Amino acid sequence: MNFDDLENFDAEDSAISMFDDEGNESAYHMLAAKNSDGFLYMLAEADEGEAEVAEVLIFKCADSEAEEMVFELVDEEHESFETAFSLFKEDMEKHGIEY
């Protein structure tokens, strides 16, 4: 998949599914995608139905060469956290996401 395609995604088609290492499926809505230093980062909101507070996560594409893209969670302990957080700071403010 081309990084440019994800950076210019249509918000109407932002629903995605991701699978963890055990094969469990989780649904997300992609809020934004950015390319930095050859890596794709994605800001996504967990699709938890009627939940009052949505969980928003940042992912980094760890392998774009595989048949399906492989993403890793970027949490506060991740080596790319500062980069990823700075990429999405404006997007988080735009969507009213508290951080």
Protein backbone atom coordinates (compact mmCIF):
# COMPACT_ATOMS: atom_id res chain seq x y z
CA MET A 1 0.00 0.00 0.00
CA ASN A 2 1.20 3.49 -0.81
CA PHE A 3 1.77 5.81 2.19
CA ASP A 4 0.35 8.72 0.18
CA ASP A 5 -2.94 6.86 -0.19
CA LEU A 6 -3.28 6.60 3.58
CA GLU A 7 -2.29 10.20 4.21
CA ASN A 8 -5.07 11.36 1.87
CA PHE A 9 -7.75 8.94 3.05
CA ASP A 10 -11.45 9.75 2.87
CA ALA A 11 -12.89 10.19 6.37
CA GLU A 12 -16.07 8.40 5.25
CA ASP A 13 -13.99 5.26 4.64
CA SER A 14 -11.91 5.49 7.79
CA ALA A 15 -13.11 2.25 9.44
CA ILE A 16 -10.32 -0.30 9.66
CA SER A 17 -9.78 -3.65 11.37
CA MET A 18 -6.57 -4.68 13.04
CA PHE A 19 -5.54 -8.07 14.44
CA ASP A 20 -3.27 -8.66 17.42
CA ASP A 21 -0.67 -11.43 17.71
CA GLU A 22 -3.33 -13.90 18.87
CA GLY A 23 -5.65 -13.12 15.94
CA ASN A 24 -8.16 -11.06 17.93
CA GLU A 25 -9.82 -8.42 15.77
CA SER A 26 -10.31 -4.79 16.88
CA ALA A 27 -12.14 -2.06 14.97
CA TYR A 28 -10.84 1.50 14.66
CA HIS A 29 -11.63 4.73 12.89
CA MET A 30 -8.55 6.33 11.39
CA LEU A 31 -8.46 10.01 12.36
CA ALA A 32 -5.19 10.98 10.66
CA ALA A 33 -2.12 9.46 9.03
CA LYS A 34 1.32 11.02 8.64
CA ASN A 35 4.57 9.99 7.00
CA SER A 36 7.76 10.87 8.86
CA ASP A 37 11.28 9.70 8.01
CA GLY A 38 9.90 6.89 5.84
CA PHE A 39 7.52 5.56 8.49
CA LEU A 40 3.75 5.80 8.44
CA TYR A 41 2.06 6.84 11.69
CA MET A 42 -1.68 6.60 12.29
CA LEU A 43 -3.94 8.26 14.84
CA ALA A 44 -6.94 5.99 15.42
CA GLU A 45 -9.99 5.90 17.63
CA ALA A 46 -11.12 2.52 18.96
CA ASP A 47 -14.62 1.66 17.78
CA GLU A 48 -16.23 0.71 21.05
CA GLY A 49 -19.85 1.38 20.11
CA GLU A 50 -21.72 3.33 22.76
CA ALA A 51 -18.75 4.04 25.07
CA GLU A 52 -18.82 7.52 26.62
CA VAL A 53 -15.07 8.03 26.26
CA ALA A 54 -13.31 6.73 23.18
CA GLU A 55 -9.79 5.38 23.35
CA VAL A 56 -7.44 7.11 20.90
CA LEU A 57 -4.17 5.40 20.01
CA ILE A 58 -1.14 6.08 17.84
CA PHE A 59 0.28 3.31 15.66
CA LYS A 60 3.50 3.09 13.64
CA CYS A 61 3.80 0.92 10.56
CA ALA A 62 6.51 -1.59 11.44
CA ASP A 63 6.38 -3.53 8.15
CA SER A 64 4.87 -2.15 4.97
CA GLU A 65 6.46 -4.85 2.82
CA ALA A 66 4.32 -7.69 4.22
CA GLU A 67 1.14 -8.82 2.46
CA GLU A 68 -0.81 -6.85 5.07
CA MET A 69 0.69 -3.81 6.80
CA VAL A 70 2.00 -4.50 10.30
CA PHE A 71 1.46 -1.76 12.89
CA GLU A 72 2.82 -1.44 16.40
CA LEU A 73 1.27 0.58 19.21
CA VAL A 74 3.16 3.76 20.07
CA ASP A 75 2.72 4.28 23.80
CA GLU A 76 4.63 6.60 26.14
CA GLU A 77 7.43 4.01 26.47
CA HIS A 78 7.90 3.59 22.70
CA GLU A 79 11.09 5.04 21.21
CA SER A 80 9.03 6.94 18.61
CA PHE A 81 6.52 8.44 21.06
CA GLU A 82 7.83 12.03 20.97
CA THR A 83 7.94 12.03 17.16
CA ALA A 84 4.48 10.50 16.82
CA PHE A 85 2.93 12.77 19.45
CA SER A 86 4.31 15.89 17.78
CA LEU A 87 2.98 14.71 14.39
CA PHE A 88 -0.58 14.46 15.71
CA LYS A 89 -0.75 17.29 18.23
CA GLU A 90 -2.75 19.56 15.87
CA ASP A 91 -5.02 16.66 14.85
CA MET A 92 -5.74 15.87 18.50
CA GLU A 93 -6.64 19.49 19.18
CA LYS A 94 -8.85 19.56 16.06
CA HIS A 95 -10.75 16.46 17.22
CA GLY A 96 -10.96 17.67 20.84
CA ILE A 97 -8.79 14.83 22.14
CA GLU A 98 -7.36 15.48 25.59
CA TYR A 99 -3.78 14.40 26.15
